[in-house]
Amino acid sequence: MSDDLIDDTPQPLISHLTELRDRLLRAVLAVLVAFIVLFPFANDIYAIVSQPLRDLLPEGSSMIATEVASPFLTPFKLTLVTAVFLVIPYILFQVWAFVAPGMYRNEKKIAFPLLASSVLLFYAGTAFAYFIVFPLIFAFFTSVGPTDVTVMTDINRYLDFVLKIFFAFGVAFEIPIAAVILIWSGVTTAESLAKKRPWIIVGCFIAGMLLTPPDVISQSLLAIPMWLLFELGIFFGRSLTKPE
């Protein structure tokens, strides 16, 4: 991003607060516009998100709504979350534009690429959860139940479950960014992180146990990518030096 787009001139406190208010309003307005555009397709969005489970339901089974307002509120909630998800780049741009004037040029050179990379990695994490993790864990869950039990998942409970998984994998994919920031800021070094590899691997599996359903498949599907992403962060961190 060109430095000409951002004014580096110091501003008084009132000007900072006014700018913060304006940028928050822009972010909220962007979410609102995205929500209004998406809301007519709320049921279609829910159908897309629930497809990994519906494809694996036994013949004659379907998803159900156990609460009176669930058929409206559940797609409404998902549409709002989707709106935020889609405008994350714009929201982070507003954050960047607010904090960038207070940063040194060498900090800007690495901060903006890290910001852009964090967005892409979060999207990659959610895509990995949807296309890889969901089919595997839903196939496992729908196949291990008692034969005389019909699988009919509540739409609201399902949404809560998948949002938790989306968030867990999205955050987990931010590990390279966290490692690079720690190395670049001088908090640690790539060599020091590499020496802690055994503890990191154990921590990845503990995180997988806490953030995913209690089965080995989903835990491993989170823990192993976390470990590989940690190694990726070390790889890129080796080329960085502490800012002067």
C-alpha atoms as a PDB file:
ATOM      1  CA  MET A   1       0.000   0.000   0.000  1.00  0.00           C
ATOM      2  CA  SER A   2       1.341   3.444  -0.894  1.00  0.00           C
ATOM      3  CA  ASP A   3       2.377   5.658   2.017  1.00  0.00           C
ATOM      4  CA  ASP A   4       0.700   8.550   0.172  1.00  0.00           C
ATOM      5  CA  LEU A   5      -2.712   7.115   1.039  1.00  0.00           C
ATOM      6  CA  ILE A   6      -2.055   7.487   4.759  1.00  0.00           C
ATOM      7  CA  ASP A   7      -1.295  10.751   6.484  1.00  0.00           C
ATOM      8  CA  ASP A   8       1.689  10.410   8.858  1.00  0.00           C
ATOM      9  CA  THR A   9       1.142  13.835  10.439  1.00  0.00           C
ATOM     10  CA  PRO A  10       0.551  13.627  14.228  1.00  0.00           C
ATOM     11  CA  GLN A  11      -3.037  14.408  15.204  1.00  0.00           C
ATOM     12  CA  PRO A  12      -4.554  15.629  18.478  1.00  0.00           C
ATOM     13  CA  LEU A  13      -6.602  13.273  20.650  1.00  0.00           C
ATOM     14  CA  ILE A  14      -9.982  14.577  19.452  1.00  0.00           C
ATOM     15  CA  SER A  15      -8.983  13.997  15.834  1.00  0.00           C
ATOM     16  CA  HIS A  16      -7.922  10.430  16.687  1.00  0.00           C
ATOM     17  CA  LEU A  17     -11.236   9.734  18.411  1.00  0.00           C
ATOM     18  CA  THR A  18     -13.184  11.221  15.512  1.00  0.00           C
ATOM     19  CA  GLU A  19     -11.268   9.106  13.023  1.00  0.00           C
ATOM     20  CA  LEU A  20     -11.790   5.986  15.158  1.00  0.00           C
ATOM     21  CA  ARG A  21     -15.541   6.663  15.265  1.00  0.00           C
ATOM     22  CA  ASP A  22     -15.675   7.182  11.497  1.00  0.00           C
ATOM     23  CA  ARG A  23     -13.784   3.981  10.760  1.00  0.00           C
ATOM     24  CA  LEU A  24     -15.945   1.966  13.167  1.00  0.00           C
ATOM     25  CA  LEU A  25     -19.060   3.334  11.480  1.00  0.00           C
ATOM     26  CA  ARG A  26     -17.674   2.395   8.069  1.00  0.00           C
ATOM     27  CA  ALA A  27     -17.003  -1.148   9.273  1.00  0.00           C
ATOM     28  CA  VAL A  28     -20.485  -1.490  10.762  1.00  0.00           C
ATOM     29  CA  LEU A  29     -22.042  -0.035   7.623  1.00  0.00           C
ATOM     30  CA  ALA A  30     -20.131  -2.518   5.455  1.00  0.00           C
ATOM     31  CA  VAL A  31     -21.440  -5.427   7.559  1.00  0.00           C
ATOM     32  CA  LEU A  32     -24.975  -4.020   7.378  1.00  0.00           C
ATOM     33  CA  VAL A  33     -24.854  -3.630   3.589  1.00  0.00           C
ATOM     34  CA  ALA A  34     -23.480  -7.145   3.158  1.00  0.00           C
ATOM     35  CA  PHE A  35     -26.174  -8.518   5.472  1.00  0.00           C
ATOM     36  CA  ILE A  36     -28.967  -6.757   3.558  1.00  0.00           C
ATOM     37  CA  VAL A  37     -27.641  -8.124   0.263  1.00  0.00           C
ATOM     38  CA  LEU A  38     -27.291 -11.666   1.630  1.00  0.00           C
ATOM     39  CA  PHE A  39     -30.471 -11.944   3.704  1.00  0.00           C
ATOM     40  CA  PRO A  40     -32.779 -12.877   0.763  1.00  0.00           C
ATOM     41  CA  PHE A  41     -30.472 -15.884   0.294  1.00  0.00           C
ATOM     42  CA  ALA A  42     -30.377 -16.837   3.996  1.00  0.00           C
ATOM     43  CA  ASN A  43     -31.968 -20.253   3.488  1.00  0.00           C
ATOM     44  CA  ASP A  44     -29.685 -20.984   0.533  1.00  0.00           C
ATOM     45  CA  ILE A  45     -26.633 -20.082   2.611  1.00  0.00           C
ATOM     46  CA  TYR A  46     -27.785 -22.398   5.371  1.00  0.00           C
ATOM     47  CA  ALA A  47     -28.362 -25.163   2.805  1.00  0.00           C
ATOM     48  CA  ILE A  48     -24.757 -24.777   1.613  1.00  0.00           C
ATOM     49  CA  VAL A  49     -23.337 -24.832   5.142  1.00  0.00           C
ATOM     50  CA  SER A  50     -25.440 -27.855   6.162  1.00  0.00           C
ATOM     51  CA  GLN A  51     -24.800 -29.846   2.990  1.00  0.00           C
ATOM     52  CA  PRO A  52     -21.807 -31.823   4.389  1.00  0.00           C
ATOM     53  CA  LEU A  53     -24.124 -33.302   7.038  1.00  0.00           C
ATOM     54  CA  ARG A  54     -27.249 -33.654   4.903  1.00  0.00           C
ATOM     55  CA  ASP A  55     -25.328 -35.620   2.270  1.00  0.00           C
ATOM     56  CA  LEU A  56     -24.495 -38.230   4.918  1.00  0.00           C
ATOM     57  CA  LEU A  57     -27.816 -38.521   6.704  1.00  0.00           C
ATOM     58  CA  PRO A  58     -29.446 -41.966   6.432  1.00  0.00           C
ATOM     59  CA  GLU A  59     -32.289 -42.293   3.961  1.00  0.00           C
ATOM     60  CA  GLY A  60     -35.496 -40.942   5.448  1.00  0.00           C
ATOM     61  CA  SER A  61     -33.694 -38.659   7.915  1.00  0.00           C
ATOM     62  CA  SER A  62     -33.588 -34.869   7.830  1.00  0.00           C
ATOM     63  CA  MET A  63     -32.564 -31.907   9.898  1.00  0.00           C
ATOM     64  CA  ILE A  64     -35.185 -30.560  12.295  1.00  0.00           C
ATOM     65  CA  ALA A  65     -36.056 -27.360  14.177  1.00  0.00           C
ATOM     66  CA  THR A  66     -36.910 -27.974  17.828  1.00  0.00           C
ATOM     67  CA  GLU A  67     -37.740 -24.341  18.630  1.00  0.00           C
ATOM     68  CA  VAL A  68     -40.557 -22.247  17.197  1.00  0.00           C
ATOM     69  CA  ALA A  69     -38.358 -19.393  15.948  1.00  0.00           C
ATOM     70  CA  SER A  70     -35.413 -21.533  14.798  1.00  0.00           C
ATOM     71  CA  PRO A  71     -36.446 -21.676  11.110  1.00  0.00           C
ATOM     72  CA  PHE A  72     -36.083 -17.869  10.997  1.00  0.00           C
ATOM     73  CA  LEU A  73     -33.452 -17.089  13.618  1.00  0.00           C
ATOM     74  CA  THR A  74     -30.917 -19.743  12.615  1.00  0.00           C
ATOM     75  CA  PRO A  75     -30.536 -18.627   8.957  1.00  0.00           C
ATOM     76  CA  PHE A  76     -30.645 -15.011  10.219  1.00  0.00           C
ATOM     77  CA  LYS A  77     -27.704 -15.655  12.553  1.00  0.00           C
ATOM     78  CA  LEU A  78     -25.758 -17.492   9.873  1.00  0.00           C
ATOM     79  CA  THR A  79     -26.320 -14.665   7.378  1.00  0.00           C
ATOM     80  CA  LEU A  80     -25.019 -12.101   9.871  1.00  0.00           C
ATOM     81  CA  VAL A  81     -21.917 -14.197  10.544  1.00  0.00           C
ATOM     82  CA  THR A  82     -21.424 -14.641   6.789  1.00  0.00           C
ATOM     83  CA  ALA A  83     -21.657 -10.869   6.275  1.00  0.00           C
ATOM     84  CA  VAL A  84     -18.923 -10.283   8.856  1.00  0.00           C
ATOM     85  CA  PHE A  85     -16.869 -13.076   7.307  1.00  0.00           C
ATOM     86  CA  LEU A  86     -17.046 -11.534   3.842  1.00  0.00           C
ATOM     87  CA  VAL A  87     -16.171  -7.983   4.887  1.00  0.00           C
ATOM     88  CA  ILE A  88     -13.265  -8.941   7.170  1.00  0.00           C
ATOM     89  CA  PRO A  89     -10.746  -7.566   4.622  1.00  0.00           C
ATOM     90  CA  TYR A  90     -12.505  -4.185   4.638  1.00  0.00           C
ATOM     91  CA  ILE A  91     -12.741  -4.146   8.445  1.00  0.00           C
ATOM     92  CA  LEU A  92      -9.036  -4.915   8.765  1.00  0.00           C
ATOM     93  CA  PHE A  93      -8.257  -2.238   6.193  1.00  0.00           C
ATOM     94  CA  GLN A  94     -10.022   0.278   8.447  1.00  0.00           C
ATOM     95  CA  VAL A  95      -7.947  -0.957  11.384  1.00  0.00           C
ATOM     96  CA  TRP A  96      -4.791  -0.677   9.305  1.00  0.00           C
ATOM     97  CA  ALA A  97      -5.609   2.828   8.100  1.00  0.00           C
ATOM     98  CA  PHE A  98      -6.164   3.921  11.714  1.00  0.00           C
ATOM     99  CA  VAL A  99      -2.957   2.496  13.220  1.00  0.00           C
ATOM    100  CA  ALA A 100      -0.593   2.889  10.242  1.00  0.00           C
ATOM    101  CA  PRO A 101       0.164   6.627  10.793  1.00  0.00           C
ATOM    102  CA  GLY A 102       1.715   5.732  14.160  1.00  0.00           C
ATOM    103  CA  MET A 103       4.039   3.094  12.689  1.00  0.00           C
ATOM    104  CA  TYR A 104       7.574   3.435  11.359  1.00  0.00           C
ATOM    105  CA  ARG A 105       8.213   2.753   7.680  1.00  0.00           C
ATOM    106  CA  ASN A 106      10.059  -0.519   8.385  1.00  0.00           C
ATOM    107  CA  GLU A 107       7.103  -1.648  10.516  1.00  0.00           C
ATOM    108  CA  LYS A 108       4.645  -0.843   7.731  1.00  0.00           C
ATOM    109  CA  LYS A 109       6.651  -2.894   5.255  1.00  0.00           C
ATOM    110  CA  ILE A 110       6.045  -6.087   7.217  1.00  0.00           C
ATOM    111  CA  ALA A 111       2.780  -5.235   8.996  1.00  0.00           C
ATOM    112  CA  PHE A 112       0.627  -4.927   5.874  1.00  0.00           C
ATOM    113  CA  PRO A 113       1.785  -8.226   4.301  1.00  0.00           C
ATOM    114  CA  LEU A 114       1.166  -9.938   7.644  1.00  0.00           C
ATOM    115  CA  LEU A 115      -2.314  -8.432   7.815  1.00  0.00           C
ATOM    116  CA  ALA A 116      -3.165  -9.591   4.303  1.00  0.00           C
ATOM    117  CA  SER A 117      -1.695 -13.031   4.966  1.00  0.00           C
ATOM    118  CA  SER A 118      -3.705 -13.414   8.162  1.00  0.00           C
ATOM    119  CA  VAL A 119      -6.950 -12.847   6.231  1.00  0.00           C
ATOM    120  CA  LEU A 120      -6.005 -15.393   3.571  1.00  0.00           C
ATOM    121  CA  LEU A 121      -4.967 -17.950   6.191  1.00  0.00           C
ATOM    122  CA  PHE A 122      -8.216 -17.505   8.113  1.00  0.00           C
ATOM    123  CA  TYR A 123     -10.188 -18.103   4.925  1.00  0.00           C
ATOM    124  CA  ALA A 124      -7.975 -21.110   4.166  1.00  0.00           C
ATOM    125  CA  GLY A 125      -8.686 -22.526   7.622  1.00  0.00           C
ATOM    126  CA  THR A 126     -12.443 -22.262   7.201  1.00  0.00           C
ATOM    127  CA  ALA A 127     -12.242 -23.778   3.699  1.00  0.00           C
ATOM    128  CA  PHE A 128     -10.174 -26.661   5.067  1.00  0.00           C
ATOM    129  CA  ALA A 129     -12.812 -27.246   7.749  1.00  0.00           C
ATOM    130  CA  TYR A 130     -15.687 -27.225   5.249  1.00  0.00           C
ATOM    131  CA  PHE A 131     -14.182 -29.331   2.461  1.00  0.00           C
ATOM    132  CA  ILE A 132     -11.952 -31.715   4.427  1.00  0.00           C
ATOM    133  CA  VAL A 133     -12.943 -31.869   8.079  1.00  0.00           C
ATOM    134  CA  PHE A 134     -16.745 -31.789   7.899  1.00  0.00           C
ATOM    135  CA  PRO A 135     -17.165 -34.747   5.516  1.00  0.00           C
ATOM    136  CA  LEU A 136     -14.853 -36.881   7.643  1.00  0.00           C
ATOM    137  CA  ILE A 137     -16.258 -36.098  11.079  1.00  0.00           C
ATOM    138  CA  PHE A 138     -19.893 -36.212   9.941  1.00  0.00           C
ATOM    139  CA  ALA A 139     -19.282 -39.553   8.242  1.00  0.00           C
ATOM    140  CA  PHE A 140     -17.845 -40.783  11.533  1.00  0.00           C
ATOM    141  CA  PHE A 141     -20.689 -39.431  13.676  1.00  0.00           C
ATOM    142  CA  THR A 142     -23.474 -40.732  11.439  1.00  0.00           C
ATOM    143  CA  SER A 143     -21.952 -44.217  11.258  1.00  0.00           C
ATOM    144  CA  VAL A 144     -21.184 -44.976  14.907  1.00  0.00           C
ATOM    145  CA  GLY A 145     -24.632 -44.418  16.435  1.00  0.00           C
ATOM    146  CA  PRO A 146     -26.902 -47.261  17.545  1.00  0.00           C
ATOM    147  CA  THR A 147     -28.757 -48.867  14.667  1.00  0.00           C
ATOM    148  CA  ASP A 148     -32.158 -48.132  16.210  1.00  0.00           C
ATOM    149  CA  VAL A 149     -31.470 -44.383  16.589  1.00  0.00           C
ATOM    150  CA  THR A 150     -32.484 -42.052  13.751  1.00  0.00           C
ATOM    151  CA  VAL A 151     -30.100 -39.157  13.154  1.00  0.00           C
ATOM    152  CA  MET A 152     -32.120 -35.909  12.996  1.00  0.00           C
ATOM    153  CA  THR A 153     -29.939 -32.943  13.936  1.00  0.00           C
ATOM    154  CA  ASP A 154     -31.421 -29.663  15.175  1.00  0.00           C
ATOM    155  CA  ILE A 155     -30.583 -26.822  12.783  1.00  0.00           C
ATOM    156  CA  ASN A 156     -29.563 -24.412  15.553  1.00  0.00           C
ATOM    157  CA  ARG A 157     -27.328 -26.934  17.321  1.00  0.00           C
ATOM    158  CA  TYR A 158     -25.726 -27.779  13.996  1.00  0.00           C
ATOM    159  CA  LEU A 159     -24.990 -24.104  13.287  1.00  0.00           C
ATOM    160  CA  ASP A 160     -23.397 -23.617  16.715  1.00  0.00           C
ATOM    161  CA  PHE A 161     -21.256 -26.692  16.111  1.00  0.00           C
ATOM    162  CA  VAL A 162     -19.984 -25.689  12.661  1.00  0.00           C
ATOM    163  CA  LEU A 163     -19.322 -22.069  13.688  1.00  0.00           C
ATOM    164  CA  LYS A 164     -17.148 -23.358  16.512  1.00  0.00           C
ATOM    165  CA  ILE A 165     -15.217 -25.567  14.081  1.00  0.00           C
ATOM    166  CA  PHE A 166     -14.899 -22.760  11.522  1.00  0.00           C
ATOM    167  CA  PHE A 167     -13.510 -20.433  14.191  1.00  0.00           C
ATOM    168  CA  ALA A 168     -11.143 -23.064  15.599  1.00  0.00           C
ATOM    169  CA  PHE A 169      -9.612 -23.864  12.214  1.00  0.00           C
ATOM    170  CA  GLY A 170      -9.552 -20.226  11.123  1.00  0.00           C
ATOM    171  CA  VAL A 171      -7.614 -19.228  14.246  1.00  0.00           C
ATOM    172  CA  ALA A 172      -5.369 -22.313  14.059  1.00  0.00           C
ATOM    173  CA  PHE A 173      -4.272 -21.333  10.563  1.00  0.00           C
ATOM    174  CA  GLU A 174      -2.986 -18.034  11.997  1.00  0.00           C
ATOM    175  CA  ILE A 175      -0.080 -19.842  13.697  1.00  0.00           C
ATOM    176  CA  PRO A 176       2.506 -18.858  11.037  1.00  0.00           C
ATOM    177  CA  ILE A 177       1.572 -15.204  11.495  1.00  0.00           C
ATOM    178  CA  ALA A 178       1.956 -15.473  15.277  1.00  0.00           C
ATOM    179  CA  ALA A 179       5.355 -17.169  14.894  1.00  0.00           C
ATOM    180  CA  VAL A 180       6.599 -14.571  12.406  1.00  0.00           C
ATOM    181  CA  ILE A 181       5.473 -11.687  14.652  1.00  0.00           C
ATOM    182  CA  LEU A 182       7.218 -13.192  17.693  1.00  0.00           C
ATOM    183  CA  ILE A 183      10.441 -13.681  15.740  1.00  0.00           C
ATOM    184  CA  TRP A 184      10.327 -10.310  13.985  1.00  0.00           C
ATOM    185  CA  SER A 185       9.642  -8.406  17.216  1.00  0.00           C
ATOM    186  CA  GLY A 186      12.590 -10.053  18.935  1.00  0.00           C
ATOM    187  CA  VAL A 187      10.506 -11.850  21.575  1.00  0.00           C
ATOM    188  CA  THR A 188      12.061 -15.134  20.450  1.00  0.00           C
ATOM    189  CA  THR A 189      14.093 -16.613  17.607  1.00  0.00           C
ATOM    190  CA  ALA A 190      13.430 -19.257  15.006  1.00  0.00           C
ATOM    191  CA  GLU A 191      16.074 -21.472  16.602  1.00  0.00           C
ATOM    192  CA  SER A 192      14.471 -21.120  20.024  1.00  0.00           C
ATOM    193  CA  LEU A 193      11.042 -22.030  18.656  1.00  0.00           C
ATOM    194  CA  ALA A 194      12.531 -25.013  16.821  1.00  0.00           C
ATOM    195  CA  LYS A 195      13.978 -26.323  20.086  1.00  0.00           C
ATOM    196  CA  LYS A 196      10.496 -26.199  21.622  1.00  0.00           C
ATOM    197  CA  ARG A 197       9.058 -28.343  18.800  1.00  0.00           C
ATOM    198  CA  PRO A 198       8.177 -31.375  21.008  1.00  0.00           C
ATOM    199  CA  TRP A 199       6.181 -29.170  23.399  1.00  0.00           C
ATOM    200  CA  ILE A 200       4.506 -27.399  20.487  1.00  0.00           C
ATOM    201  CA  ILE A 201       3.387 -30.722  19.017  1.00  0.00           C
ATOM    202  CA  VAL A 202       1.922 -31.779  22.351  1.00  0.00           C
ATOM    203  CA  GLY A 203       0.215 -28.381  22.638  1.00  0.00           C
ATOM    204  CA  CYS A 204      -1.275 -28.771  19.146  1.00  0.00           C
ATOM    205  CA  PHE A 205      -2.871 -32.075  20.096  1.00  0.00           C
ATOM    206  CA  ILE A 206      -4.160 -30.637  23.376  1.00  0.00           C
ATOM    207  CA  ALA A 207      -5.676 -27.723  21.431  1.00  0.00           C
ATOM    208  CA  GLY A 208      -7.189 -30.207  18.992  1.00  0.00           C
ATOM    209  CA  MET A 209      -8.709 -32.095  21.915  1.00  0.00           C
ATOM    210  CA  LEU A 210     -10.216 -28.932  23.431  1.00  0.00           C
ATOM    211  CA  LEU A 211     -11.438 -27.236  20.262  1.00  0.00           C
ATOM    212  CA  THR A 212     -12.931 -30.147  18.344  1.00  0.00           C
ATOM    213  CA  PRO A 213     -15.433 -32.932  19.038  1.00  0.00           C
ATOM    214  CA  PRO A 214     -14.174 -35.842  21.164  1.00  0.00           C
ATOM    215  CA  ASP A 215     -12.968 -38.104  18.369  1.00  0.00           C
ATOM    216  CA  VAL A 216      -9.454 -38.858  17.152  1.00  0.00           C
ATOM    217  CA  ILE A 217     -10.182 -37.935  13.532  1.00  0.00           C
ATOM    218  CA  SER A 218     -11.223 -34.311  14.078  1.00  0.00           C
ATOM    219  CA  GLN A 219      -8.569 -33.792  16.766  1.00  0.00           C
ATOM    220  CA  SER A 220      -5.840 -34.982  14.401  1.00  0.00           C
ATOM    221  CA  LEU A 221      -7.247 -32.938  11.522  1.00  0.00           C
ATOM    222  CA  LEU A 222      -6.702 -29.805  13.624  1.00  0.00           C
ATOM    223  CA  ALA A 223      -3.488 -30.763  15.438  1.00  0.00           C
ATOM    224  CA  ILE A 224      -1.465 -31.901  12.415  1.00  0.00           C
ATOM    225  CA  PRO A 225      -2.126 -28.759  10.305  1.00  0.00           C
ATOM    226  CA  MET A 226      -1.319 -26.626  13.371  1.00  0.00           C
ATOM    227  CA  TRP A 227       2.051 -28.342  13.681  1.00  0.00           C
ATOM    228  CA  LEU A 228       2.792 -27.969   9.947  1.00  0.00           C
ATOM    229  CA  LEU A 229       1.798 -24.300  10.066  1.00  0.00           C
ATOM    230  CA  PHE A 230       4.108 -23.813  13.048  1.00  0.00           C
ATOM    231  CA  GLU A 231       6.946 -25.222  10.938  1.00  0.00           C
ATOM    232  CA  LEU A 232       5.957 -22.832   8.141  1.00  0.00           C
ATOM    233  CA  GLY A 233       6.154 -19.902  10.568  1.00  0.00           C
ATOM    234  CA  ILE A 234       9.669 -20.949  11.614  1.00  0.00           C
ATOM    235  CA  PHE A 235      10.686 -21.278   7.953  1.00  0.00           C
ATOM    236  CA  PHE A 236       9.631 -17.717   7.129  1.00  0.00           C
ATOM    237  CA  GLY A 237      10.831 -16.400  10.484  1.00  0.00           C
ATOM    238  CA  ARG A 238      14.427 -17.447   9.776  1.00  0.00           C
ATOM    239  CA  SER A 239      14.685 -14.730   7.108  1.00  0.00           C
ATOM    240  CA  LEU A 240      13.614 -11.978   9.508  1.00  0.00           C
ATOM    241  CA  THR A 241      15.687  -9.815  11.802  1.00  0.00           C
ATOM    242  CA  LYS A 242      14.652  -7.807  14.821  1.00  0.00           C
ATOM    243  CA  PRO A 243      13.621  -4.251  13.795  1.00  0.00           C
ATOM    244  CA  GLU A 244      16.002  -1.517  14.873  1.00  0.00           C
END
